């Protein structure tokens, strides 16, 4: 599990601590479960969903539920559910994108990070269907009444060169503080500001 946590996105690591503990966190398109493992280490209850859950099954526990779902079918597979947090990385399926803010409970946190317009220069994904348009996550948050805590549309050179768009937004008010430091590892007390 430690290896999975070490592979977690620095963006998700930075903001995961501010997700309220009083609900369930959705790890959408969870893949190998690196963010499920991170969230479990922070004592969250998690619903990890993907079309292939074979690699994340090892993380199943009392706190971690795993559901194999078709995320790209004709109907949204998670109707009428509420989450204290939603984490999505390296995944984009526009027909259901606007469902995500609706699923946040009051003070719930959306953490989203995926490839953006311009990534084709660096390789895959290169299909515009899988690349966020400039400002697309900002527009999603603003159109849904979410408060944007942080947003970037940038070039990254690690873990591989890529254009990435990412956001942390809250439905209501953020509970807790976000550390100012970003790169590198955070201490256990990273929910407070440094000098």
N, C-alpha and C. Protein backbone atom coordinates (compact mmCIF):
# COMPACT_ATOMS: atom_id res chain seq x y z
N UNK A 1 0.83 -1.19 0.00
CA UNK A 1 0.00 0.00 0.00
C UNK A 1 0.87 1.26 0.00
N UNK A 2 2.04 1.19 0.67
CA UNK A 2 2.93 2.35 0.72
C UNK A 2 3.37 2.76 -0.68
N UNK A 3 3.66 1.79 -1.56
CA UNK A 3 4.07 2.10 -2.94
C UNK A 3 2.96 2.84 -3.67
N UNK A 4 1.73 2.39 -3.47
CA UNK A 4 0.59 3.05 -4.12
C UNK A 4 0.47 4.49 -3.65
N UNK A 5 0.64 4.73 -2.37
CA UNK A 5 0.55 6.09 -1.83
C UNK A 5 1.67 6.96 -2.40
N UNK A 6 2.87 6.38 -2.49
CA UNK A 6 4.02 7.13 -3.02
C UNK A 6 3.78 7.56 -4.47
N UNK A 7 2.98 6.79 -5.21
CA UNK A 7 2.68 7.10 -6.61
C UNK A 7 1.50 8.05 -6.77
N UNK A 8 0.88 8.45 -5.67
CA UNK A 8 -0.27 9.35 -5.74
C UNK A 8 0.15 10.69 -6.32
N UNK A 9 -0.77 11.30 -7.03
CA UNK A 9 -0.53 12.62 -7.60
C UNK A 9 -0.21 13.64 -6.50
N UNK A 10 0.83 14.46 -6.68
CA UNK A 10 1.10 15.52 -5.70
C UNK A 10 -0.09 16.47 -5.52
N UNK A 11 -0.85 16.70 -6.58
CA UNK A 11 -2.04 17.56 -6.49
C UNK A 11 -3.07 16.94 -5.56
N UNK A 12 -3.31 15.65 -5.71
CA UNK A 12 -4.28 14.97 -4.84
C UNK A 12 -3.74 14.91 -3.42
N UNK A 13 -2.46 14.61 -3.25
CA UNK A 13 -1.86 14.59 -1.90
C UNK A 13 -2.02 15.94 -1.22
N UNK A 14 -1.85 17.01 -1.98
CA UNK A 14 -1.94 18.35 -1.39
C UNK A 14 -3.33 18.64 -0.83
N UNK A 15 -4.37 18.23 -1.55
CA UNK A 15 -5.73 18.64 -1.17
C UNK A 15 -6.55 17.55 -0.47
N UNK A 16 -6.10 16.32 -0.47
CA UNK A 16 -6.90 15.23 0.11
C UNK A 16 -7.19 15.46 1.59
N UNK A 17 -6.30 16.13 2.29
CA UNK A 17 -6.48 16.34 3.73
C UNK A 17 -7.65 17.26 4.07
N UNK A 18 -8.13 18.04 3.10
CA UNK A 18 -9.23 18.96 3.40
C UNK A 18 -10.60 18.38 3.07
N UNK A 19 -10.64 17.15 2.56
CA UNK A 19 -11.93 16.49 2.32
C UNK A 19 -12.55 16.15 3.67
N UNK A 20 -13.81 16.53 3.90
CA UNK A 20 -14.46 16.21 5.18
C UNK A 20 -14.47 14.71 5.44
N UNK A 21 -14.33 14.34 6.71
CA UNK A 21 -14.26 12.93 7.11
C UNK A 21 -15.65 12.32 7.37
N UNK A 22 -16.70 13.14 7.27
CA UNK A 22 -18.02 12.66 7.68
C UNK A 22 -18.82 12.00 6.58
N UNK A 23 -18.19 11.67 5.49
CA UNK A 23 -18.91 11.02 4.39
C UNK A 23 -18.01 10.03 3.68
N UNK A 24 -18.41 9.67 2.48
CA UNK A 24 -17.65 8.74 1.64
C UNK A 24 -17.01 9.53 0.51
N UNK A 25 -15.78 9.17 0.17
CA UNK A 25 -15.07 9.80 -0.93
C UNK A 25 -15.16 8.90 -2.15
N UNK A 26 -15.51 9.46 -3.29
CA UNK A 26 -15.57 8.71 -4.54
C UNK A 26 -14.24 8.84 -5.26
N UNK A 27 -13.59 7.70 -5.52
CA UNK A 27 -12.40 7.66 -6.37
C UNK A 27 -12.90 7.15 -7.72
N UNK A 28 -13.17 8.09 -8.63
CA UNK A 28 -13.79 7.76 -9.91
C UNK A 28 -12.73 7.37 -10.93
N UNK A 29 -12.95 6.25 -11.62
CA UNK A 29 -11.96 5.70 -12.55
C UNK A 29 -10.66 5.48 -11.78
N UNK A 30 -10.75 4.69 -10.72
CA UNK A 30 -9.69 4.57 -9.71
C UNK A 30 -8.43 3.86 -10.20
N UNK A 31 -8.50 3.14 -11.32
CA UNK A 31 -7.31 2.50 -11.87
C UNK A 31 -6.69 1.52 -10.88
N UNK A 32 -5.40 1.70 -10.61
CA UNK A 32 -4.68 0.78 -9.72
C UNK A 32 -4.95 1.06 -8.25
N UNK A 33 -5.62 2.16 -7.95
CA UNK A 33 -5.99 2.45 -6.57
C UNK A 33 -5.00 3.31 -5.81
N UNK A 34 -4.13 4.02 -6.50
CA UNK A 34 -3.14 4.83 -5.79
C UNK A 34 -3.81 5.90 -4.93
N UNK A 35 -4.91 6.47 -5.40
CA UNK A 35 -5.59 7.49 -4.59
C UNK A 35 -6.53 6.87 -3.57
N UNK A 36 -7.05 5.70 -3.86
CA UNK A 36 -7.82 4.96 -2.86
C UNK A 36 -6.93 4.66 -1.66
N UNK A 37 -5.70 4.21 -1.93
CA UNK A 37 -4.75 3.92 -0.85
C UNK A 37 -4.42 5.17 -0.05
N UNK A 38 -4.19 6.27 -0.75
CA UNK A 38 -3.89 7.53 -0.06
C UNK A 38 -5.05 7.95 0.83
N UNK A 39 -6.25 7.92 0.29
CA UNK A 39 -7.43 8.33 1.06
C UNK A 39 -7.66 7.41 2.25
N UNK A 40 -7.43 6.11 2.08
CA UNK A 40 -7.58 5.16 3.19
C UNK A 40 -6.56 5.47 4.29
N UNK A 41 -5.34 5.87 3.90
CA UNK A 41 -4.31 6.21 4.89
C UNK A 41 -4.68 7.46 5.69
N UNK A 42 -5.58 8.27 5.14
CA UNK A 42 -6.06 9.48 5.82
C UNK A 42 -7.37 9.23 6.56
N UNK A 43 -7.74 7.96 6.71
CA UNK A 43 -8.92 7.53 7.46
C UNK A 43 -10.25 7.94 6.84
N UNK A 44 -10.27 8.00 5.51
CA UNK A 44 -11.53 8.24 4.81
C UNK A 44 -12.20 6.91 4.50
N UNK A 45 -13.51 6.96 4.34
CA UNK A 45 -14.25 5.85 3.76
C UNK A 45 -14.33 6.13 2.26
N UNK A 46 -14.11 5.12 1.44
CA UNK A 46 -13.96 5.33 0.00
C UNK A 46 -14.84 4.37 -0.79
N UNK A 47 -15.40 4.90 -1.88
CA UNK A 47 -16.02 4.08 -2.91
C UNK A 47 -15.13 4.21 -4.14
N UNK A 48 -14.43 3.15 -4.48
CA UNK A 48 -13.55 3.14 -5.65
C UNK A 48 -14.28 2.47 -6.79
N UNK A 49 -14.40 3.16 -7.91
CA UNK A 49 -15.14 2.60 -9.05
C UNK A 49 -14.28 2.68 -10.32
N UNK A 50 -14.44 1.66 -11.15
CA UNK A 50 -13.77 1.62 -12.45
C UNK A 50 -14.40 0.52 -13.27
N UNK A 51 -14.10 0.52 -14.55
CA UNK A 51 -14.58 -0.55 -15.44
C UNK A 51 -13.79 -1.82 -15.23
N UNK A 52 -12.54 -1.70 -14.77
CA UNK A 52 -11.70 -2.85 -14.44
C UNK A 52 -11.17 -2.63 -13.03
N UNK A 53 -11.62 -3.45 -12.09
CA UNK A 53 -11.22 -3.27 -10.69
C UNK A 53 -10.24 -4.34 -10.23
N UNK A 54 -9.68 -5.10 -11.15
CA UNK A 54 -8.83 -6.23 -10.77
C UNK A 54 -7.62 -5.81 -9.95
N UNK A 55 -7.00 -4.67 -10.27
CA UNK A 55 -5.80 -4.29 -9.54
C UNK A 55 -6.09 -3.57 -8.22
N UNK A 56 -7.28 -3.05 -8.06
CA UNK A 56 -7.61 -2.33 -6.83
C UNK A 56 -8.26 -3.25 -5.78
N UNK A 57 -8.63 -4.44 -6.16
CA UNK A 57 -9.31 -5.37 -5.24
C UNK A 57 -8.51 -5.64 -3.97
N UNK A 58 -7.19 -5.57 -4.04
CA UNK A 58 -6.34 -5.82 -2.87
C UNK A 58 -6.57 -4.79 -1.76
N UNK A 59 -7.12 -3.64 -2.10
CA UNK A 59 -7.35 -2.58 -1.12
C UNK A 59 -8.70 -2.69 -0.43
N UNK A 60 -9.51 -3.64 -0.84
CA UNK A 60 -10.86 -3.78 -0.27
C UNK A 60 -10.77 -4.00 1.24
N UNK A 61 -11.61 -3.27 1.98
CA UNK A 61 -11.62 -3.37 3.45
C UNK A 61 -12.96 -2.84 3.95
N UNK A 62 -13.08 -2.72 5.26
CA UNK A 62 -14.30 -2.14 5.82
C UNK A 62 -14.47 -0.69 5.36
N UNK A 63 -13.34 0.00 5.16
CA UNK A 63 -13.39 1.41 4.78
C UNK A 63 -13.39 1.61 3.27
N UNK A 64 -13.03 0.59 2.51
CA UNK A 64 -12.91 0.71 1.05
C UNK A 64 -13.87 -0.24 0.36
N UNK A 65 -14.88 0.33 -0.30
CA UNK A 65 -15.79 -0.44 -1.14
C UNK A 65 -15.33 -0.30 -2.58
N UNK A 66 -15.43 -1.37 -3.33
CA UNK A 66 -15.00 -1.35 -4.73
C UNK A 66 -16.15 -1.83 -5.59
N UNK A 67 -16.50 -1.02 -6.60
CA UNK A 67 -17.58 -1.40 -7.52
C UNK A 67 -17.07 -1.35 -8.95
N UNK A 68 -17.31 -2.42 -9.67
CA UNK A 68 -17.00 -2.46 -11.10
C UNK A 68 -18.21 -1.88 -11.83
N UNK A 69 -17.99 -0.76 -12.51
CA UNK A 69 -19.09 -0.06 -13.17
C UNK A 69 -18.69 0.35 -14.58
N UNK A 70 -19.66 0.37 -15.47
CA UNK A 70 -19.44 0.93 -16.80
C UNK A 70 -19.63 2.44 -16.68
N UNK A 71 -18.52 3.17 -16.71
CA UNK A 71 -18.56 4.61 -16.52
C UNK A 71 -18.91 5.37 -17.79
N UNK A 72 -19.00 4.65 -18.91
CA UNK A 72 -19.24 5.32 -20.19
C UNK A 72 -20.43 4.73 -20.93
N UNK A 73 -21.39 4.22 -20.16
CA UNK A 73 -22.61 3.70 -20.75
C UNK A 73 -23.58 4.82 -21.07
N UNK A 74 -24.80 4.45 -21.41
CA UNK A 74 -25.79 5.46 -21.77
C UNK A 74 -26.38 6.16 -20.54
N UNK A 75 -26.29 5.51 -19.37
CA UNK A 75 -26.83 6.09 -18.14
C UNK A 75 -25.72 6.27 -17.11
N UNK A 76 -25.80 7.35 -16.35
CA UNK A 76 -24.84 7.59 -15.27
C UNK A 76 -25.01 6.49 -14.23
N UNK A 77 -23.93 5.77 -13.88
CA UNK A 77 -24.06 4.60 -13.01
C UNK A 77 -24.16 4.91 -11.52
N UNK A 78 -24.07 6.18 -11.13
CA UNK A 78 -24.11 6.52 -9.70
C UNK A 78 -25.19 7.56 -9.41
N UNK A 79 -26.44 7.29 -9.80
CA UNK A 79 -27.48 8.30 -9.59
C UNK A 79 -27.82 8.48 -8.11
N UNK A 80 -28.18 9.69 -7.74
CA UNK A 80 -28.69 9.99 -6.39
C UNK A 80 -27.72 9.64 -5.27
N UNK A 81 -26.43 9.73 -5.52
CA UNK A 81 -25.45 9.48 -4.46
C UNK A 81 -24.76 10.78 -4.10
N UNK A 82 -24.37 10.89 -2.83
CA UNK A 82 -23.68 12.08 -2.32
C UNK A 82 -22.34 11.66 -1.73
N UNK A 83 -21.33 12.52 -1.95
CA UNK A 83 -19.98 12.23 -1.49
C UNK A 83 -19.37 13.45 -0.82
N UNK A 84 -18.56 13.22 0.19
CA UNK A 84 -17.85 14.31 0.86
C UNK A 84 -16.65 14.76 0.02
N UNK A 85 -16.22 13.92 -0.89
CA UNK A 85 -15.14 14.27 -1.79
C UNK A 85 -15.21 13.42 -3.04
N UNK A 86 -14.72 13.96 -4.14
CA UNK A 86 -14.62 13.23 -5.40
C UNK A 86 -13.22 13.47 -5.94
N UNK A 87 -12.52 12.38 -6.24
CA UNK A 87 -11.17 12.45 -6.80
C UNK A 87 -11.20 11.81 -8.17
N UNK A 88 -10.70 12.55 -9.17
CA UNK A 88 -10.61 12.04 -10.54
C UNK A 88 -9.25 12.44 -11.09
N UNK A 89 -8.49 11.47 -11.60
CA UNK A 89 -7.22 11.79 -12.25
C UNK A 89 -7.09 10.98 -13.53
N UNK A 90 -6.49 11.61 -14.52
CA UNK A 90 -6.18 10.96 -15.80
C UNK A 90 -7.40 10.29 -16.43
N UNK A 91 -8.55 10.96 -16.32
CA UNK A 91 -9.78 10.41 -16.88
C UNK A 91 -10.71 11.55 -17.25
N UNK A 92 -11.33 11.44 -18.43
CA UNK A 92 -12.29 12.43 -18.87
C UNK A 92 -13.35 11.76 -19.74
N UNK A 93 -14.59 11.88 -19.32
CA UNK A 93 -15.71 11.44 -20.13
C UNK A 93 -16.77 12.53 -20.01
N UNK A 94 -16.81 13.40 -21.00
CA UNK A 94 -17.63 14.62 -20.92
C UNK A 94 -19.13 14.40 -20.72
N UNK A 95 -19.74 13.34 -21.29
CA UNK A 95 -21.20 13.22 -21.12
C UNK A 95 -21.65 13.22 -19.65
N UNK A 96 -20.78 12.81 -18.72
CA UNK A 96 -21.18 12.77 -17.32
C UNK A 96 -20.40 13.75 -16.45
N UNK A 97 -19.60 14.60 -17.04
CA UNK A 97 -18.76 15.52 -16.27
C UNK A 97 -19.58 16.41 -15.35
N UNK A 98 -20.71 16.90 -15.84
CA UNK A 98 -21.52 17.82 -15.03
C UNK A 98 -22.25 17.12 -13.88
N UNK A 99 -22.23 15.79 -13.85
CA UNK A 99 -22.83 15.06 -12.73
C UNK A 99 -22.00 15.20 -11.46
N UNK A 100 -20.69 15.37 -11.61
CA UNK A 100 -19.80 15.34 -10.46
C UNK A 100 -20.12 16.42 -9.41
N UNK A 101 -20.21 17.69 -9.77
CA UNK A 101 -20.53 18.68 -8.74
C UNK A 101 -21.87 18.44 -8.04
N UNK A 102 -22.83 17.88 -8.77
CA UNK A 102 -24.15 17.60 -8.19
C UNK A 102 -24.06 16.54 -7.09
N UNK A 103 -23.03 15.71 -7.14
CA UNK A 103 -22.90 14.60 -6.20
C UNK A 103 -22.16 14.98 -4.92
N UNK A 104 -21.67 16.20 -4.84
CA UNK A 104 -20.97 16.64 -3.64
C UNK A 104 -21.96 17.03 -2.55
N UNK A 105 -21.72 16.54 -1.34
CA UNK A 105 -22.51 16.99 -0.20
C UNK A 105 -22.03 18.39 0.19
N UNK A 106 -22.76 19.05 1.08
CA UNK A 106 -22.36 20.39 1.52
C UNK A 106 -20.95 20.34 2.09
N UNK A 107 -20.10 21.26 1.67
CA UNK A 107 -18.69 21.36 2.05
C UNK A 107 -17.84 20.24 1.43
N UNK A 108 -18.40 19.52 0.47
CA UNK A 108 -17.66 18.48 -0.23
C UNK A 108 -16.62 19.07 -1.17
N UNK A 109 -15.57 18.31 -1.43
CA UNK A 109 -14.41 18.79 -2.19
C UNK A 109 -14.24 17.97 -3.47
N UNK A 110 -14.09 18.67 -4.58
CA UNK A 110 -13.78 18.05 -5.87
C UNK A 110 -12.31 18.27 -6.16
N UNK A 111 -11.58 17.17 -6.39
CA UNK A 111 -10.18 17.23 -6.79
C UNK A 111 -10.10 16.53 -8.14
N UNK A 112 -9.76 17.28 -9.17
CA UNK A 112 -9.76 16.74 -10.54
C UNK A 112 -8.46 17.14 -11.22
N UNK A 113 -7.84 16.17 -11.89
CA UNK A 113 -6.59 16.42 -12.61
C UNK A 113 -6.51 15.48 -13.81
N UNK A 114 -6.39 16.06 -15.01
CA UNK A 114 -6.22 15.22 -16.18
C UNK A 114 -5.54 16.01 -17.30
N UNK A 115 -5.34 15.34 -18.40
CA UNK A 115 -4.61 15.93 -19.52
C UNK A 115 -5.42 17.04 -20.18
N UNK A 116 -4.68 18.01 -20.73
CA UNK A 116 -5.32 19.20 -21.28
C UNK A 116 -4.89 19.44 -22.72
N UNK A 117 -5.63 20.36 -23.34
CA UNK A 117 -5.33 20.79 -24.70
C UNK A 117 -3.84 21.10 -24.85
N UNK A 118 -3.24 20.59 -25.91
CA UNK A 118 -1.81 20.77 -26.13
C UNK A 118 -0.99 19.55 -25.80
N UNK A 119 -1.61 18.56 -25.15
CA UNK A 119 -0.87 17.36 -24.76
C UNK A 119 -0.44 16.52 -25.95
N UNK A 120 -1.12 16.64 -27.09
CA UNK A 120 -0.79 15.84 -28.27
C UNK A 120 0.67 16.00 -28.68
N UNK A 121 1.27 17.15 -28.40
CA UNK A 121 2.68 17.39 -28.72
C UNK A 121 3.57 16.38 -28.00
N UNK A 122 3.13 15.90 -26.83
CA UNK A 122 3.95 15.02 -26.01
C UNK A 122 3.57 13.55 -26.14
N UNK A 123 2.55 13.24 -26.91
CA UNK A 123 2.13 11.85 -27.07
C UNK A 123 0.68 11.67 -26.65
N UNK A 124 0.39 10.50 -26.12
CA UNK A 124 -0.98 10.16 -25.74
C UNK A 124 -1.29 10.63 -24.33
N UNK A 125 -2.55 10.96 -24.03
CA UNK A 125 -3.65 11.04 -24.98
C UNK A 125 -3.52 12.26 -25.89
N UNK A 126 -3.95 12.05 -27.13
CA UNK A 126 -3.90 13.13 -28.11
C UNK A 126 -5.28 13.43 -28.71
N UNK A 127 -6.23 12.53 -28.50
CA UNK A 127 -7.59 12.71 -28.99
C UNK A 127 -8.26 13.84 -28.20
N UNK A 128 -8.78 14.86 -28.88
CA UNK A 128 -9.43 15.98 -28.17
C UNK A 128 -10.55 15.56 -27.23
N UNK A 129 -11.16 14.39 -27.47
CA UNK A 129 -12.22 13.90 -26.58
C UNK A 129 -11.69 13.61 -25.18
N UNK A 130 -10.38 13.39 -25.06
CA UNK A 130 -9.78 13.04 -23.78
C UNK A 130 -8.90 14.15 -23.22
N UNK A 131 -8.99 15.34 -23.82
CA UNK A 131 -8.19 16.47 -23.38
C UNK A 131 -9.11 17.63 -22.98
N UNK A 132 -8.88 18.19 -21.82
CA UNK A 132 -9.69 19.32 -21.37
C UNK A 132 -9.40 20.55 -22.20
N UNK A 133 -10.44 21.28 -22.53
CA UNK A 133 -10.30 22.56 -23.24
C UNK A 133 -9.81 23.62 -22.25
N UNK A 134 -9.18 24.69 -22.73
CA UNK A 134 -8.74 25.75 -21.82
C UNK A 134 -9.89 26.24 -20.93
N UNK A 135 -9.65 26.25 -19.64
CA UNK A 135 -10.65 26.74 -18.68
C UNK A 135 -11.83 25.82 -18.44
N UNK A 136 -11.80 24.60 -18.97
CA UNK A 136 -12.99 23.73 -18.87
C UNK A 136 -13.33 23.36 -17.43
N UNK A 137 -12.33 23.05 -16.61
CA UNK A 137 -12.63 22.72 -15.22
C UNK A 137 -13.09 23.95 -14.44
N UNK A 138 -12.53 25.10 -14.77
CA UNK A 138 -13.00 26.34 -14.14
C UNK A 138 -14.47 26.59 -14.47
N UNK A 139 -14.82 26.42 -15.73
CA UNK A 139 -16.21 26.63 -16.16
C UNK A 139 -17.14 25.64 -15.47
N UNK A 140 -16.69 24.39 -15.31
CA UNK A 140 -17.50 23.38 -14.62
C UNK A 140 -17.77 23.83 -13.18
N UNK A 141 -16.73 24.25 -12.48
CA UNK A 141 -16.88 24.67 -11.09
C UNK A 141 -17.77 25.90 -10.99
N UNK A 142 -17.51 26.90 -11.81
CA UNK A 142 -18.28 28.14 -11.74
C UNK A 142 -19.74 27.92 -12.12
N UNK A 143 -19.98 27.10 -13.14
CA UNK A 143 -21.35 26.82 -13.56
C UNK A 143 -22.13 26.01 -12.54
N UNK A 144 -21.42 25.35 -11.63
CA UNK A 144 -22.06 24.51 -10.61
C UNK A 144 -22.08 25.18 -9.24
N UNK A 145 -21.60 26.41 -9.17
CA UNK A 145 -21.60 27.12 -7.90
C UNK A 145 -20.54 26.66 -6.92
N UNK A 146 -19.48 26.00 -7.41
CA UNK A 146 -18.41 25.57 -6.51
C UNK A 146 -17.42 26.72 -6.32
N UNK A 147 -16.83 26.77 -5.15
CA UNK A 147 -15.79 27.76 -4.86
C UNK A 147 -14.45 27.15 -5.26
N UNK A 148 -13.73 27.82 -6.14
CA UNK A 148 -12.43 27.32 -6.60
C UNK A 148 -11.37 27.65 -5.56
N UNK A 149 -10.70 26.62 -5.08
CA UNK A 149 -9.63 26.77 -4.10
C UNK A 149 -8.29 26.91 -4.80
N UNK A 150 -8.09 26.11 -5.85
CA UNK A 150 -6.85 26.16 -6.62
C UNK A 150 -7.14 25.63 -8.02
N UNK A 151 -6.42 26.19 -9.00
CA UNK A 151 -6.60 25.78 -10.39
C UNK A 151 -5.29 25.99 -11.13
N UNK A 152 -4.96 25.06 -12.00
CA UNK A 152 -3.78 25.19 -12.86
C UNK A 152 -4.08 24.59 -14.22
N UNK A 153 -3.53 25.20 -15.24
CA UNK A 153 -3.55 24.67 -16.61
C UNK A 153 -2.12 24.85 -17.09
N UNK A 154 -1.30 23.80 -16.93
CA UNK A 154 0.15 23.97 -17.03
C UNK A 154 0.84 22.80 -17.74
N UNK A 155 2.10 23.04 -18.06
CA UNK A 155 2.99 22.00 -18.55
C UNK A 155 3.68 21.37 -17.35
N UNK A 156 3.72 20.04 -17.32
CA UNK A 156 4.46 19.31 -16.29
C UNK A 156 5.53 18.46 -16.97
N UNK A 157 6.68 18.33 -16.34
CA UNK A 157 7.69 17.44 -16.91
C UNK A 157 7.80 16.12 -16.15
N UNK A 158 7.08 15.98 -15.03
CA UNK A 158 7.09 14.75 -14.25
C UNK A 158 5.67 14.27 -14.00
N UNK A 159 5.33 13.00 -14.05
CA UNK A 159 6.23 11.88 -14.29
C UNK A 159 6.66 11.75 -15.75
N UNK A 160 5.96 12.45 -16.65
CA UNK A 160 6.37 12.53 -18.05
C UNK A 160 5.88 13.87 -18.59
N UNK A 161 6.52 14.40 -19.64
CA UNK A 161 6.06 15.69 -20.18
C UNK A 161 4.58 15.61 -20.58
N UNK A 162 3.81 16.60 -20.13
CA UNK A 162 2.36 16.60 -20.39
C UNK A 162 1.78 17.99 -20.14
N UNK A 163 0.67 18.26 -20.81
CA UNK A 163 -0.15 19.42 -20.50
C UNK A 163 -1.27 18.92 -19.58
N UNK A 164 -1.43 19.58 -18.47
CA UNK A 164 -2.36 19.11 -17.44
C UNK A 164 -3.22 20.27 -16.95
N UNK A 165 -4.48 19.96 -16.70
CA UNK A 165 -5.39 20.92 -16.06
C UNK A 165 -5.88 20.27 -14.78
N UNK A 166 -5.91 21.06 -13.70
CA UNK A 166 -6.31 20.50 -12.42
C UNK A 166 -6.98 21.56 -11.55
N UNK A 167 -7.89 21.05 -10.72
CA UNK A 167 -8.68 21.97 -9.89
C UNK A 167 -8.95 21.32 -8.53
N UNK A 168 -9.07 22.16 -7.54
CA UNK A 168 -9.66 21.77 -6.26
C UNK A 168 -10.76 22.80 -6.01
N UNK A 169 -11.97 22.33 -5.82
CA UNK A 169 -13.12 23.22 -5.62
C UNK A 169 -14.01 22.63 -4.54
N UNK A 170 -14.74 23.49 -3.85
CA UNK A 170 -15.56 23.05 -2.73
C UNK A 170 -17.00 23.55 -2.91
N UNK A 171 -17.93 22.73 -2.46
CA UNK A 171 -19.34 23.11 -2.46
C UNK A 171 -19.65 23.67 -1.08
N UNK A 172 -19.55 24.97 -0.96
CA UNK A 172 -19.76 25.60 0.34
C UNK A 172 -18.46 26.20 0.83
N UNK A 173 -18.00 25.73 1.98
CA UNK A 173 -16.81 26.31 2.60
C UNK A 173 -15.79 25.24 2.92
N UNK A 174 -14.53 25.58 2.74
CA UNK A 174 -13.44 24.66 3.02
C UNK A 174 -13.25 24.55 4.52
N UNK A 175 -13.10 23.33 5.00
CA UNK A 175 -12.83 23.10 6.42
C UNK A 175 -11.37 22.71 6.54
N UNK A 176 -10.60 23.53 7.22
CA UNK A 176 -9.17 23.26 7.37
C UNK A 176 -8.36 24.15 6.46
N UNK A 177 -7.05 24.05 6.63
CA UNK A 177 -6.12 24.88 5.88
C UNK A 177 -5.36 24.01 4.88
N UNK A 178 -4.96 24.64 3.80
CA UNK A 178 -4.18 23.96 2.77
C UNK A 178 -2.74 24.42 2.91
N UNK A 179 -1.80 23.49 2.93
CA UNK A 179 -0.40 23.90 3.07
C UNK A 179 0.07 24.74 1.89
N UNK A 180 0.92 25.72 2.19
CA UNK A 180 1.47 26.55 1.14
C UNK A 180 2.45 25.79 0.27
N UNK A 181 3.24 24.91 0.90
CA UNK A 181 4.22 24.15 0.12
C UNK A 181 3.50 23.17 -0.79
N UNK A 182 4.12 22.89 -1.93
CA UNK A 182 3.46 22.00 -2.88
C UNK A 182 4.38 20.88 -3.32
N UNK A 183 5.53 21.20 -3.86
CA UNK A 183 6.43 20.16 -4.34
C UNK A 183 7.01 19.39 -3.17
N UNK A 184 7.29 18.12 -3.38
CA UNK A 184 7.91 17.32 -2.35
C UNK A 184 6.91 16.73 -1.38
N UNK A 185 7.44 16.13 -0.35
CA UNK A 185 6.62 15.43 0.64
C UNK A 185 6.12 16.41 1.69
N UNK A 186 4.98 16.10 2.28
CA UNK A 186 4.40 16.91 3.34
C UNK A 186 4.51 16.16 4.65
N UNK A 187 4.67 16.89 5.72
CA UNK A 187 4.72 16.26 7.03
C UNK A 187 3.32 15.87 7.47
N UNK A 188 3.25 15.14 8.55
CA UNK A 188 1.96 14.73 9.10
C UNK A 188 1.13 15.94 9.52
N UNK A 189 1.80 17.05 9.84
CA UNK A 189 1.09 18.25 10.28
C UNK A 189 0.90 19.24 9.15
N UNK A 190 0.78 18.74 7.94
CA UNK A 190 0.73 19.66 6.78
C UNK A 190 -0.63 20.32 6.59
N UNK A 191 -1.53 20.16 7.56
CA UNK A 191 -2.81 20.85 7.43
C UNK A 191 -2.77 22.25 8.05
N UNK A 192 -1.58 22.72 8.37
CA UNK A 192 -1.43 24.09 8.86
C UNK A 192 -0.47 24.83 7.95
N UNK A 193 -0.57 26.15 7.96
CA UNK A 193 0.30 26.95 7.11
C UNK A 193 1.70 27.03 7.71
N UNK A 194 2.70 27.12 6.84
CA UNK A 194 4.07 27.31 7.31
C UNK A 194 4.41 28.80 7.20
N UNK A 195 5.50 29.18 7.86
CA UNK A 195 5.93 30.59 7.82
C UNK A 195 6.41 30.99 6.46
